[in-house]
Amino acid sequence: GEGDAVSETTSLYSAITNHVYENGRRYHSYRAGSYWGPNDEPAQD
């Protein structure tokens, strides 16, 4: 139904903005594993 469009958009957005956490570091979730570096605050700094 019409409400599902919002749900689908939210799911797609979450797939990009959620993160993967491993060994105390945070990594990107979009195409997870294709880049080696963390994206947490220490990495950004």
PDB file of all heavy atoms in Angstrom:
ATOM      1  N   GLY A   1       0.819  -1.197   0.000  1.00  0.00           N
ATOM      2  CA  GLY A   1       0.000   0.000   0.000  1.00  0.00           C
ATOM      3  C   GLY A   1       0.849   1.240   0.000  1.00  0.00           C
ATOM      4  O   GLY A   1       2.081   1.195  -0.096  1.00  0.00           O
ATOM      5  N   GLU A   2       0.198   2.403   0.098  1.00  0.00           N
ATOM      6  CA  GLU A   2       0.926   3.660   0.052  1.00  0.00           C
ATOM      7  C   GLU A   2       1.909   3.786   1.207  1.00  0.00           C
ATOM      8  O   GLU A   2       2.983   4.355   1.076  1.00  0.00           O
ATOM      9  CB  GLU A   2      -0.074   4.820   0.089  1.00  0.00           C
ATOM     10  CG  GLU A   2      -0.917   4.917  -1.176  1.00  0.00           C
ATOM     11  CD  GLU A   2      -1.856   6.118  -1.126  1.00  0.00           C
ATOM     12  OE1 GLU A   2      -1.793   6.868  -0.120  1.00  0.00           O
ATOM     13  OE2 GLU A   2      -2.641   6.291  -2.067  1.00  0.00           O
ATOM     14  N   GLY A   3       1.549   3.237   2.348  1.00  0.00           N
ATOM     15  CA  GLY A   3       2.430   3.330   3.507  1.00  0.00           C
ATOM     16  C   GLY A   3       3.717   2.575   3.339  1.00  0.00           C
ATOM     17  O   GLY A   3       4.728   2.888   3.979  1.00  0.00           O
ATOM     18  N   ASP A   4       3.703   1.575   2.437  1.00  0.00           N
ATOM     19  CA  ASP A   4       4.909   0.779   2.251  1.00  0.00           C
ATOM     20  C   ASP A   4       6.014   1.552   1.553  1.00  0.00           C
ATOM     21  O   ASP A   4       7.187   1.206   1.634  1.00  0.00           O
ATOM     22  CB  ASP A   4       4.588  -0.484   1.450  1.00  0.00           C
ATOM     23  CG  ASP A   4       3.766  -1.470   2.257  1.00  0.00           C
ATOM     24  OD1 ASP A   4       3.985  -1.519   3.476  1.00  0.00           O
ATOM     25  OD2 ASP A   4       2.917  -2.157   1.675  1.00  0.00           O
ATOM     26  N   ALA A   5       5.649   2.601   0.807  1.00  0.00           N
ATOM     27  CA  ALA A   5       6.675   3.406   0.139  1.00  0.00           C
ATOM     28  C   ALA A   5       7.596   4.044   1.170  1.00  0.00           C
ATOM     29  O   ALA A   5       8.811   4.120   0.994  1.00  0.00           O
ATOM     30  CB  ALA A   5       6.020   4.482  -0.727  1.00  0.00           C
ATOM     31  N   VAL A   6       6.995   4.510   2.268  1.00  0.00           N
ATOM     32  CA  VAL A   6       7.799   5.093   3.339  1.00  0.00           C
ATOM     33  C   VAL A   6       8.702   4.044   3.956  1.00  0.00           C
ATOM     34  O   VAL A   6       9.887   4.285   4.222  1.00  0.00           O
ATOM     35  CB  VAL A   6       6.876   5.704   4.416  1.00  0.00           C
ATOM     36  CG1 VAL A   6       7.698   6.217   5.588  1.00  0.00           C
ATOM     37  CG2 VAL A   6       6.030   6.813   3.821  1.00  0.00           C
ATOM     38  N   SER A   7       8.151   2.835   4.166  1.00  0.00           N
ATOM     39  CA  SER A   7       8.942   1.758   4.752  1.00  0.00           C
ATOM     40  C   SER A   7      10.108   1.378   3.867  1.00  0.00           C
ATOM     41  O   SER A   7      11.229   1.175   4.332  1.00  0.00           O
ATOM     42  CB  SER A   7       8.049   0.539   4.991  1.00  0.00           C
ATOM     43  OG  SER A   7       8.801  -0.551   5.482  1.00  0.00           O
ATOM     44  N   GLU A   8       9.868   1.295   2.558  1.00  0.00           N
ATOM     45  CA  GLU A   8      10.939   0.923   1.625  1.00  0.00           C
ATOM     46  C   GLU A   8      12.028   1.981   1.601  1.00  0.00           C
ATOM     47  O   GLU A   8      13.225   1.672   1.621  1.00  0.00           O
ATOM     48  CB  GLU A   8      10.357   0.737   0.223  1.00  0.00           C
ATOM     49  CG  GLU A   8      11.393   0.296  -0.804  1.00  0.00           C
ATOM     50  CD  GLU A   8      10.785   0.076  -2.180  1.00  0.00           C
ATOM     51  OE1 GLU A   8       9.564   0.257  -2.327  1.00  0.00           O
ATOM     52  OE2 GLU A   8      11.540  -0.267  -3.090  1.00  0.00           O
ATOM     53  N   THR A   9      11.616   3.255   1.561  1.00  0.00           N
ATOM     54  CA  THR A   9      12.599   4.334   1.572  1.00  0.00           C
ATOM     55  C   THR A   9      13.421   4.303   2.850  1.00  0.00           C
ATOM     56  O   THR A   9      14.648   4.482   2.833  1.00  0.00           O
ATOM     57  CB  THR A   9      11.887   5.699   1.437  1.00  0.00           C
ATOM     58  OG1 THR A   9      11.144   5.713   0.233  1.00  0.00           O
ATOM     59  CG2 THR A   9      12.903   6.835   1.443  1.00  0.00           C
ATOM     60  N   THR A  10      12.751   4.052   3.979  1.00  0.00           N
ATOM     61  CA  THR A  10      13.457   3.971   5.256  1.00  0.00           C
ATOM     62  C   THR A  10      14.460   2.835   5.265  1.00  0.00           C
ATOM     63  O   THR A  10      15.583   2.975   5.757  1.00  0.00           O
ATOM     64  CB  THR A  10      12.445   3.776   6.405  1.00  0.00           C
ATOM     65  OG1 THR A  10      11.535   4.870   6.408  1.00  0.00           O
ATOM     66  CG2 THR A  10      13.158   3.704   7.749  1.00  0.00           C
ATOM     67  N   SER A  11      14.068   1.696   4.672  1.00  0.00           N
ATOM     68  CA  SER A  11      14.976   0.548   4.622  1.00  0.00           C
ATOM     69  C   SER A  11      16.209   0.855   3.784  1.00  0.00           C
ATOM     70  O   SER A  11      17.330   0.516   4.154  1.00  0.00           O
ATOM     71  CB  SER A  11      14.242  -0.671   4.049  1.00  0.00           C
ATOM     72  OG  SER A  11      13.181  -1.051   4.888  1.00  0.00           O
ATOM     73  N   LEU A  12      16.006   1.504   2.652  1.00  0.00           N
ATOM     74  CA  LEU A  12      17.134   1.859   1.795  1.00  0.00           C
ATOM     75  C   LEU A  12      18.050   2.855   2.494  1.00  0.00           C
ATOM     76  O   LEU A  12      19.275   2.754   2.431  1.00  0.00           O
ATOM     77  CB  LEU A  12      16.626   2.440   0.473  1.00  0.00           C
ATOM     78  CG  LEU A  12      15.905   1.465  -0.449  1.00  0.00           C
ATOM     79  CD1 LEU A  12      15.281   2.219  -1.618  1.00  0.00           C
ATOM     80  CD2 LEU A  12      16.859   0.396  -0.956  1.00  0.00           C
ATOM     81  N   TYR A  13      17.443   3.832   3.177  1.00  0.00           N
ATOM     82  CA  TYR A  13      18.234   4.821   3.903  1.00  0.00           C
ATOM     83  C   TYR A  13      19.030   4.163   5.029  1.00  0.00           C
ATOM     84  O   TYR A  13      20.210   4.463   5.225  1.00  0.00           O
ATOM     85  CB  TYR A  13      17.309   5.893   4.472  1.00  0.00           C
ATOM     86  CG  TYR A  13      18.029   7.000   5.199  1.00  0.00           C
ATOM     87  CD1 TYR A  13      18.697   8.008   4.500  1.00  0.00           C
ATOM     88  CD2 TYR A  13      18.064   7.041   6.593  1.00  0.00           C
ATOM     89  CE1 TYR A  13      19.365   9.021   5.164  1.00  0.00           C
ATOM     90  CE2 TYR A  13      18.721   8.055   7.260  1.00  0.00           C
ATOM     91  CZ  TYR A  13      19.366   9.048   6.546  1.00  0.00           C
ATOM     92  OH  TYR A  13      20.043  10.037   7.196  1.00  0.00           O
ATOM     93  N   SER A  14      18.393   3.210   5.719  1.00  0.00           N
ATOM     94  CA  SER A  14      19.067   2.526   6.810  1.00  0.00           C
ATOM     95  C   SER A  14      20.253   1.716   6.314  1.00  0.00           C
ATOM     96  O   SER A  14      21.280   1.620   6.991  1.00  0.00           O
ATOM     97  CB  SER A  14      18.074   1.614   7.556  1.00  0.00           C
ATOM     98  OG  SER A  14      17.059   2.362   8.169  1.00  0.00           O
ATOM     99  N   ALA A  15      20.101   1.124   5.132  1.00  0.00           N
ATOM    100  CA  ALA A  15      21.188   0.325   4.584  1.00  0.00           C
ATOM    101  C   ALA A  15      22.425   1.165   4.336  1.00  0.00           C
ATOM    102  O   ALA A  15      23.552   0.671   4.365  1.00  0.00           O
ATOM    103  CB  ALA A  15      20.740  -0.341   3.273  1.00  0.00           C
ATOM    104  N   ILE A  16      22.229   2.469   4.118  1.00  0.00           N
ATOM    105  CA  ILE A  16      23.344   3.369   3.874  1.00  0.00           C
ATOM    106  C   ILE A  16      23.882   3.960   5.169  1.00  0.00           C
ATOM    107  O   ILE A  16      25.081   4.050   5.389  1.00  0.00           O
ATOM    108  CB  ILE A  16      22.913   4.498   2.907  1.00  0.00           C
ATOM    109  CG1 ILE A  16      22.617   3.917   1.522  1.00  0.00           C
ATOM    110  CG2 ILE A  16      23.989   5.570   2.817  1.00  0.00           C
ATOM    111  CD1 ILE A  16      22.028   4.928   0.559  1.00  0.00           C
ATOM    112  N   THR A  17      22.955   4.362   6.059  1.00  0.00           N
ATOM    113  CA  THR A  17      23.381   5.117   7.237  1.00  0.00           C
ATOM    114  C   THR A  17      23.692   4.252   8.448  1.00  0.00           C
ATOM    115  O   THR A  17      24.325   4.730   9.393  1.00  0.00           O
ATOM    116  CB  THR A  17      22.296   6.140   7.628  1.00  0.00           C
ATOM    117  OG1 THR A  17      21.053   5.442   7.868  1.00  0.00           O
ATOM    118  CG2 THR A  17      22.088   7.153   6.516  1.00  0.00           C
ATOM    119  N   ASN A  18      23.246   3.001   8.469  1.00  0.00           N
ATOM    120  CA  ASN A  18      23.636   2.116   9.556  1.00  0.00           C
ATOM    121  C   ASN A  18      25.119   1.777   9.436  1.00  0.00           C
ATOM    122  O   ASN A  18      25.733   1.964   8.391  1.00  0.00           O
ATOM    123  CB  ASN A  18      22.806   0.828   9.531  1.00  0.00           C
ATOM    124  CG  ASN A  18      21.399   1.062  10.040  1.00  0.00           C
ATOM    125  OD1 ASN A  18      21.111   2.090  10.643  1.00  0.00           O
ATOM    126  ND2 ASN A  18      20.512   0.109   9.795  1.00  0.00           N
ATOM    127  N   HIS A  19      25.677   1.245  10.490  1.00  0.00           N
ATOM    128  CA  HIS A  19      27.107   0.957  10.494  1.00  0.00           C
ATOM    129  C   HIS A  19      27.352  -0.483  10.916  1.00  0.00           C
ATOM    130  O   HIS A  19      26.496  -1.150  11.484  1.00  0.00           O
ATOM    131  CB  HIS A  19      27.838   1.902  11.457  1.00  0.00           C
ATOM    132  CG  HIS A  19      27.622   3.350  11.157  1.00  0.00           C
ATOM    133  ND1 HIS A  19      28.218   3.977  10.083  1.00  0.00           N
ATOM    134  CD2 HIS A  19      26.874   4.304  11.771  1.00  0.00           C
ATOM    135  CE1 HIS A  19      27.854   5.254  10.061  1.00  0.00           C
ATOM    136  NE2 HIS A  19      27.033   5.470  11.077  1.00  0.00           N
ATOM    137  N   VAL A  20      28.554  -0.958  10.611  1.00  0.00           N
ATOM    138  CA  VAL A  20      29.002  -2.291  11.026  1.00  0.00           C
ATOM    139  C   VAL A  20      30.054  -2.099  12.118  1.00  0.00           C
ATOM    140  O   VAL A  20      30.962  -1.266  11.973  1.00  0.00           O
ATOM    141  CB  VAL A  20      29.614  -3.062   9.828  1.00  0.00           C
ATOM    142  CG1 VAL A  20      30.173  -4.393  10.291  1.00  0.00           C
ATOM    143  CG2 VAL A  20      28.567  -3.255   8.737  1.00  0.00           C
ATOM    144  N   TYR A  21      29.931  -2.861  13.201  1.00  0.00           N
ATOM    145  CA  TYR A  21      30.860  -2.738  14.318  1.00  0.00           C
ATOM    146  C   TYR A  21      31.657  -4.030  14.457  1.00  0.00           C
ATOM    147  O   TYR A  21      31.083  -5.115  14.553  1.00  0.00           O
ATOM    148  CB  TYR A  21      30.097  -2.451  15.614  1.00  0.00           C
ATOM    149  CG  TYR A  21      29.394  -1.115  15.604  1.00  0.00           C
ATOM    150  CD1 TYR A  21      28.129  -0.979  15.035  1.00  0.00           C
ATOM    151  CD2 TYR A  21      30.000   0.017  16.147  1.00  0.00           C
ATOM    152  CE1 TYR A  21      27.478   0.254  15.014  1.00  0.00           C
ATOM    153  CE2 TYR A  21      29.362   1.243  16.132  1.00  0.00           C
ATOM    154  CZ  TYR A  21      28.099   1.359  15.560  1.00  0.00           C
ATOM    155  OH  TYR A  21      27.467   2.576  15.539  1.00  0.00           O
ATOM    156  N   GLU A  22      32.983  -3.902  14.451  1.00  0.00           N
ATOM    157  CA  GLU A  22      33.861  -5.058  14.608  1.00  0.00           C
ATOM    158  C   GLU A  22      35.108  -4.664  15.387  1.00  0.00           C
ATOM    159  O   GLU A  22      35.720  -3.624  15.108  1.00  0.00           O
ATOM    160  CB  GLU A  22      34.302  -5.609  13.237  1.00  0.00           C
ATOM    161  CG  GLU A  22      33.195  -6.230  12.417  1.00  0.00           C
ATOM    162  CD  GLU A  22      33.714  -6.775  11.093  1.00  0.00           C
ATOM    163  OE1 GLU A  22      34.920  -6.613  10.804  1.00  0.00           O
ATOM    164  OE2 GLU A  22      32.919  -7.360  10.336  1.00  0.00           O
ATOM    165  N   ASN A  23      35.474  -5.485  16.350  1.00  0.00           N
ATOM    166  CA  ASN A  23      36.720  -5.312  17.089  1.00  0.00           C
ATOM    167  C   ASN A  23      36.909  -3.889  17.619  1.00  0.00           C
ATOM    168  O   ASN A  23      38.003  -3.321  17.576  1.00  0.00           O
ATOM    169  CB  ASN A  23      37.916  -5.698  16.208  1.00  0.00           C
ATOM    170  CG  ASN A  23      37.871  -7.153  15.787  1.00  0.00           C
ATOM    171  OD1 ASN A  23      37.647  -8.039  16.608  1.00  0.00           O
ATOM    172  ND2 ASN A  23      38.079  -7.407  14.505  1.00  0.00           N
ATOM    173  N   GLY A  24      35.793  -3.328  18.113  1.00  0.00           N
ATOM    174  CA  GLY A  24      35.866  -2.016  18.720  1.00  0.00           C
ATOM    175  C   GLY A  24      35.903  -0.848  17.764  1.00  0.00           C
ATOM    176  O   GLY A  24      36.065   0.298  18.201  1.00  0.00           O
ATOM    177  N   ARG A  25      35.737  -1.123  16.468  1.00  0.00           N
ATOM    178  CA  ARG A  25      35.745  -0.045  15.480  1.00  0.00           C
ATOM    179  C   ARG A  25      34.439  -0.056  14.690  1.00  0.00           C
ATOM    180  O   ARG A  25      33.765  -1.077  14.587  1.00  0.00           O
ATOM    181  CB  ARG A  25      36.931  -0.182  14.504  1.00  0.00           C
ATOM    182  CG  ARG A  25      38.301  -0.193  15.148  1.00  0.00           C
ATOM    183  CD  ARG A  25      38.578   1.014  16.040  1.00  0.00           C
ATOM    184  NE  ARG A  25      38.501   2.288  15.392  1.00  0.00           N
ATOM    185  CZ  ARG A  25      39.566   2.984  14.980  1.00  0.00           C
ATOM    186  NH1 ARG A  25      40.787   2.507  15.170  1.00  0.00           N
ATOM    187  NH2 ARG A  25      39.418   4.180  14.409  1.00  0.00           N
ATOM    188  N   ARG A  26      34.096   1.081  14.099  1.00  0.00           N
ATOM    189  CA  ARG A  26      32.872   1.223  13.319  1.00  0.00           C
ATOM    190  C   ARG A  26      33.214   1.374  11.842  1.00  0.00           C
ATOM    191  O   ARG A  26      34.116   2.135  11.474  1.00  0.00           O
ATOM    192  CB  ARG A  26      32.089   2.450  13.795  1.00  0.00           C
ATOM    193  CG  ARG A  26      30.670   2.544  13.260  1.00  0.00           C
ATOM    194  CD  ARG A  26      30.051   3.878  13.631  1.00  0.00           C
ATOM    195  NE  ARG A  26      30.579   4.958  12.794  1.00  0.00           N
ATOM    196  CZ  ARG A  26      30.264   6.241  12.951  1.00  0.00           C
ATOM    197  NH1 ARG A  26      29.469   6.611  13.931  1.00  0.00           N
ATOM    198  NH2 ARG A  26      30.769   7.161  12.145  1.00  0.00           N
ATOM    199  N   TYR A  27      32.458   0.665  10.984  1.00  0.00           N
ATOM    200  CA  TYR A  27      32.708   0.663   9.543  1.00  0.00           C
ATOM    201  C   TYR A  27      31.426   0.977   8.774  1.00  0.00           C
ATOM    202  O   TYR A  27      30.326   0.873   9.313  1.00  0.00           O
ATOM    203  CB  TYR A  27      33.253  -0.693   9.099  1.00  0.00           C
ATOM    204  CG  TYR A  27      34.558  -1.079   9.758  1.00  0.00           C
ATOM    205  CD1 TYR A  27      34.572  -1.730  10.990  1.00  0.00           C
ATOM    206  CD2 TYR A  27      35.776  -0.769   9.176  1.00  0.00           C
ATOM    207  CE1 TYR A  27      35.764  -2.079  11.602  1.00  0.00           C
ATOM    208  CE2 TYR A  27      36.981  -1.114   9.777  1.00  0.00           C
ATOM    209  CZ  TYR A  27      36.966  -1.760  10.996  1.00  0.00           C
ATOM    210  OH  TYR A  27      38.154  -2.092  11.607  1.00  0.00           O
ATOM    211  N   HIS A  28      31.579   1.327   7.509  1.00  0.00           N
ATOM    212  CA  HIS A  28      30.428   1.627   6.661  1.00  0.00           C
ATOM    213  C   HIS A  28      29.612   0.365   6.397  1.00  0.00           C
ATOM    214  O   HIS A  28      30.143  -0.750   6.379  1.00  0.00           O
ATOM    215  CB  HIS A  28      30.895   2.228   5.330  1.00  0.00           C
ATOM    216  CG  HIS A  28      31.667   1.270   4.465  1.00  0.00           C
ATOM    217  ND1 HIS A  28      31.091   0.583   3.427  1.00  0.00           N
ATOM    218  CD2 HIS A  28      32.967   0.870   4.494  1.00  0.00           C
ATOM    219  CE1 HIS A  28      31.991  -0.186   2.845  1.00  0.00           C
ATOM    220  NE2 HIS A  28      33.141  -0.027   3.477  1.00  0.00           N
ATOM    221  N   SER A  29      28.307   0.554   6.159  1.00  0.00           N
ATOM    222  CA  SER A  29      27.443  -0.591   5.872  1.00  0.00           C
ATOM    223  C   SER A  29      27.100  -0.697   4.390  1.00  0.00           C
ATOM    224  O   SER A  29      26.827  -1.792   3.897  1.00  0.00           O
ATOM    225  CB  SER A  29      26.142  -0.493   6.685  1.00  0.00           C
ATOM    226  OG  SER A  29      25.415   0.672   6.340  1.00  0.00           O
ATOM    227  N   TYR A  30      27.088   0.426   3.684  1.00  0.00           N
ATOM    228  CA  TYR A  30      26.830   0.386   2.249  1.00  0.00           C
ATOM    229  C   TYR A  30      28.015  -0.271   1.541  1.00  0.00           C
ATOM    230  O   TYR A  30      29.141   0.178   1.665  1.00  0.00           O
ATOM    231  CB  TYR A  30      26.608   1.800   1.710  1.00  0.00           C
ATOM    232  CG  TYR A  30      26.444   1.877   0.206  1.00  0.00           C
ATOM    233  CD1 TYR A  30      25.381   1.249  -0.430  1.00  0.00           C
ATOM    234  CD2 TYR A  30      27.358   2.580  -0.562  1.00  0.00           C
ATOM    235  CE1 TYR A  30      25.229   1.308  -1.804  1.00  0.00           C
ATOM    236  CE2 TYR A  30      27.213   2.664  -1.946  1.00  0.00           C
ATOM    237  CZ  TYR A  30      26.142   2.023  -2.551  1.00  0.00           C
ATOM    238  OH  TYR A  30      26.006   2.078  -3.926  1.00  0.00           O
ATOM    239  N   ARG A  31      27.754  -1.388   0.852  1.00  0.00           N
ATOM    240  CA  ARG A  31      28.816  -2.197   0.246  1.00  0.00           C
ATOM    241  C   ARG A  31      29.866  -2.566   1.293  1.00  0.00           C
ATOM    242  O   ARG A  31      31.076  -2.393   1.095  1.00  0.00           O
ATOM    243  CB  ARG A  31      29.439  -1.483  -0.955  1.00  0.00           C
ATOM    244  CG  ARG A  31      28.436  -1.189  -2.060  1.00  0.00           C
ATOM    245  CD  ARG A  31      29.096  -0.669  -3.317  1.00  0.00           C
ATOM    246  NE  ARG A  31      30.051  -1.623  -3.859  1.00  0.00           N
ATOM    247  CZ  ARG A  31      29.706  -2.692  -4.592  1.00  0.00           C
ATOM    248  NH1 ARG A  31      28.439  -2.934  -4.855  1.00  0.00           N
ATOM    249  NH2 ARG A  31      30.633  -3.510  -5.050  1.00  0.00           N
ATOM    250  N   ALA A  32      29.377  -3.048   2.427  1.00  0.00           N
ATOM    251  CA  ALA A  32      30.230  -3.377   3.572  1.00  0.00           C
ATOM    252  C   ALA A  32      31.367  -4.306   3.172  1.00  0.00           C
ATOM    253  O   ALA A  32      31.174  -5.269   2.428  1.00  0.00           O
ATOM    254  CB  ALA A  32      29.390  -4.029   4.669  1.00  0.00           C
ATOM    255  N   GLY A  33      32.552  -4.004   3.666  1.00  0.00           N
ATOM    256  CA  GLY A  33      33.722  -4.823   3.395  1.00  0.00           C
ATOM    257  C   GLY A  33      34.501  -4.422   2.168  1.00  0.00           C
ATOM    258  O   GLY A  33      35.613  -4.922   1.947  1.00  0.00           O
ATOM    259  N   SER A  34      33.972  -3.509   1.359  1.00  0.00           N
ATOM    260  CA  SER A  34      34.692  -3.112   0.151  1.00  0.00           C
ATOM    261  C   SER A  34      35.776  -2.076   0.441  1.00  0.00           C
ATOM    262  O   SER A  34      36.653  -1.848  -0.391  1.00  0.00           O
ATOM    263  CB  SER A  34      33.718  -2.579  -0.908  1.00  0.00           C
ATOM    264  OG  SER A  34      32.991  -1.477  -0.407  1.00  0.00           O
ATOM    265  N   TYR A  35      35.706  -1.458   1.618  1.00  0.00           N
ATOM    266  CA  TYR A  35      36.752  -0.526   2.050  1.00  0.00           C
ATOM    267  C   TYR A  35      37.217  -0.940   3.434  1.00  0.00           C
ATOM    268  O   TYR A  35      36.418  -1.360   4.277  1.00  0.00           O
ATOM    269  CB  TYR A  35      36.223   0.917   2.068  1.00  0.00           C
ATOM    270  CG  TYR A  35      37.223   1.922   2.608  1.00  0.00           C
ATOM    271  CD1 TYR A  35      38.448   2.109   1.976  1.00  0.00           C
ATOM    272  CD2 TYR A  35      36.949   2.677   3.744  1.00  0.00           C
ATOM    273  CE1 TYR A  35      39.373   3.013   2.464  1.00  0.00           C
ATOM    274  CE2 TYR A  35      37.858   3.593   4.238  1.00  0.00           C
ATOM    275  CZ  TYR A  35      39.073   3.754   3.599  1.00  0.00           C
ATOM    276  OH  TYR A  35      39.987   4.650   4.091  1.00  0.00           O
ATOM    277  N   TRP A  36      38.490  -0.819   3.682  1.00  0.00           N
ATOM    278  CA  TRP A  36      39.121  -1.377   4.884  1.00  0.00           C
ATOM    279  C   TRP A  36      39.105  -0.453   6.097  1.00  0.00           C
ATOM    280  O   TRP A  36      39.307  -0.888   7.223  1.00  0.00           O
ATOM    281  CB  TRP A  36      40.577  -1.720   4.563  1.00  0.00           C
ATOM    282  CG  TRP A  36      41.321  -0.569   3.945  1.00  0.00           C
ATOM    283  CD1 TRP A  36      41.436  -0.303   2.618  1.00  0.00           C
ATOM    284  CD2 TRP A  36      42.004   0.487   4.620  1.00  0.00           C
ATOM    285  NE1 TRP A  36      42.159   0.851   2.410  1.00  0.00           N
ATOM    286  CE2 TRP A  36      42.520   1.354   3.627  1.00  0.00           C
ATOM    287  CE3 TRP A  36      42.241   0.779   5.965  1.00  0.00           C
ATOM    288  CZ2 TRP A  36      43.252   2.497   3.941  1.00  0.00           C
ATOM    289  CZ3 TRP A  36      42.972   1.915   6.283  1.00  0.00           C
ATOM    290  CH2 TRP A  36      43.469   2.754   5.264  1.00  0.00           C
ATOM    291  N   GLY A  37      38.900   0.844   5.897  1.00  0.00           N
ATOM    292  CA  GLY A  37      39.083   1.782   6.993  1.00  0.00           C
ATOM    293  C   GLY A  37      37.826   1.999   7.818  1.00  0.00           C
ATOM    294  O   GLY A  37      36.710   1.972   7.287  1.00  0.00           O
ATOM    295  N   PRO A  38      37.955   2.229   9.122  1.00  0.00           N
ATOM    296  CA  PRO A  38      36.794   2.568   9.957  1.00  0.00           C
ATOM    297  C   PRO A  38      36.278   3.965   9.625  1.00  0.00           C
ATOM    298  O   PRO A  38      36.992   4.779   9.016  1.00  0.00           O
ATOM    299  CB  PRO A  38      37.347   2.493  11.383  1.00  0.00           C
ATOM    300  CG  PRO A  38      38.814   2.679  11.248  1.00  0.00           C
ATOM    301  CD  PRO A  38      39.203   2.155   9.902  1.00  0.00           C
ATOM    302  N   ASN A  39      35.034   4.246  10.037  1.00  0.00           N
ATOM    303  CA  ASN A  39      34.455   5.571   9.803  1.00  0.00           C
ATOM    304  C   ASN A  39      34.022   6.241  11.098  1.00  0.00           C
ATOM    305  O   ASN A  39      33.234   7.187  11.081  1.00  0.00           O
ATOM    306  CB  ASN A  39      33.274   5.475   8.831  1.00  0.00           C
ATOM    307  CG  ASN A  39      32.071   4.743   9.422  1.00  0.00           C
ATOM    308  OD1 ASN A  39      32.112   4.272  10.563  1.00  0.00           O
ATOM    309  ND2 ASN A  39      31.003   4.631   8.645  1.00  0.00           N
ATOM    310  N   ASP A  40      34.548   5.764  12.227  1.00  0.00           N
ATOM    311  CA  ASP A  40      34.171   6.336  13.523  1.00  0.00           C
ATOM    312  C   ASP A  40      34.880   7.673  13.749  1.00  0.00           C
ATOM    313  O   ASP A  40      35.674   8.132  12.908  1.00  0.00           O
ATOM    314  CB  ASP A  40      34.449   5.341  14.652  1.00  0.00           C
ATOM    315  CG  ASP A  40      35.848   4.732  14.570  1.00  0.00           C
ATOM    316  OD1 ASP A  40      36.760   5.388  14.016  1.00  0.00           O
ATOM    317  OD2 ASP A  40      36.030   3.599  15.052  1.00  0.00           O
ATOM    318  N   GLU A  41      34.606   8.293  14.880  1.00  0.00           N
ATOM    319  CA  GLU A  41      35.156   9.624  15.158  1.00  0.00           C
ATOM    320  C   GLU A  41      36.683   9.660  15.138  1.00  0.00           C
ATOM    321  O   GLU A  41      37.277  10.574  14.556  1.00  0.00           O
ATOM    322  CB  GLU A  41      34.618  10.151  16.497  1.00  0.00           C
ATOM    323  CG  GLU A  41      33.134  10.480  16.492  1.00  0.00           C
ATOM    324  CD  GLU A  41      32.791  11.641  15.574  1.00  0.00           C
ATOM    325  OE1 GLU A  41      33.667  12.494  15.344  1.00  0.00           O
ATOM    326  OE2 GLU A  41      31.651  11.698  15.084  1.00  0.00           O
ATOM    327  N   PRO A  42      37.370   8.692  15.780  1.00  0.00           N
ATOM    328  CA  PRO A  42      38.846   8.723  15.699  1.00  0.00           C
ATOM    329  C   PRO A  42      39.354   8.657  14.261  1.00  0.00           C
ATOM    330  O   PRO A  42      40.330   9.326  13.913  1.00  0.00           O
ATOM    331  CB  PRO A  42      39.263   7.495  16.509  1.00  0.00           C
ATOM    332  CG  PRO A  42      38.143   7.260  17.466  1.00  0.00           C
ATOM    333  CD  PRO A  42      36.902   7.634  16.708  1.00  0.00           C
ATOM    334  N   ALA A  43      38.688   7.842  13.423  1.00  0.00           N
ATOM    335  CA  ALA A  43      39.116   7.732  12.028  1.00  0.00           C
ATOM    336  C   ALA A  43      38.873   9.038  11.278  1.00  0.00           C
ATOM    337  O   ALA A  43      39.706   9.468  10.468  1.00  0.00           O
ATOM    338  CB  ALA A  43      38.376   6.580  11.352  1.00  0.00           C
ATOM    339  N   GLN A  44      37.751   9.685  11.556  1.00  0.00           N
ATOM    340  CA  GLN A  44      37.461  10.962  10.899  1.00  0.00           C
ATOM    341  C   GLN A  44      38.472  12.029  11.307  1.00  0.00           C
ATOM    342  O   GLN A  44      38.942  12.817  10.471  1.00  0.00           O
ATOM    343  CB  GLN A  44      36.039  11.406  11.246  1.00  0.00           C
ATOM    344  CG  GLN A  44      34.958  10.515  10.660  1.00  0.00           C
ATOM    345  CD  GLN A  44      33.566  10.972  11.058  1.00  0.00           C
ATOM    346  OE1 GLN A  44      33.237  12.161  10.974  1.00  0.00           O
ATOM    347  NE2 GLN A  44      32.735  10.054  11.516  1.00  0.00           N
ATOM    348  N   ASP A  45      38.787  12.067  12.583  1.00  0.00           N
ATOM    349  CA  ASP A  45      39.797  13.028  13.054  1.00  0.00           C
ATOM    350  C   ASP A  45      41.133  12.769  12.381  1.00  0.00           C
ATOM    351  O   ASP A  45      41.869  13.714  12.040  1.00  0.00           O
ATOM    352  CB  ASP A  45      39.948  12.931  14.569  1.00  0.00           C
ATOM    353  CG  ASP A  45      38.725  13.437  15.322  1.00  0.00           C
ATOM    354  OD1 ASP A  45      37.905  14.159  14.720  1.00  0.00           O
ATOM    355  OD2 ASP A  45      38.597  13.118  16.519  1.00  0.00           O
TER     356      ASP A  45
END
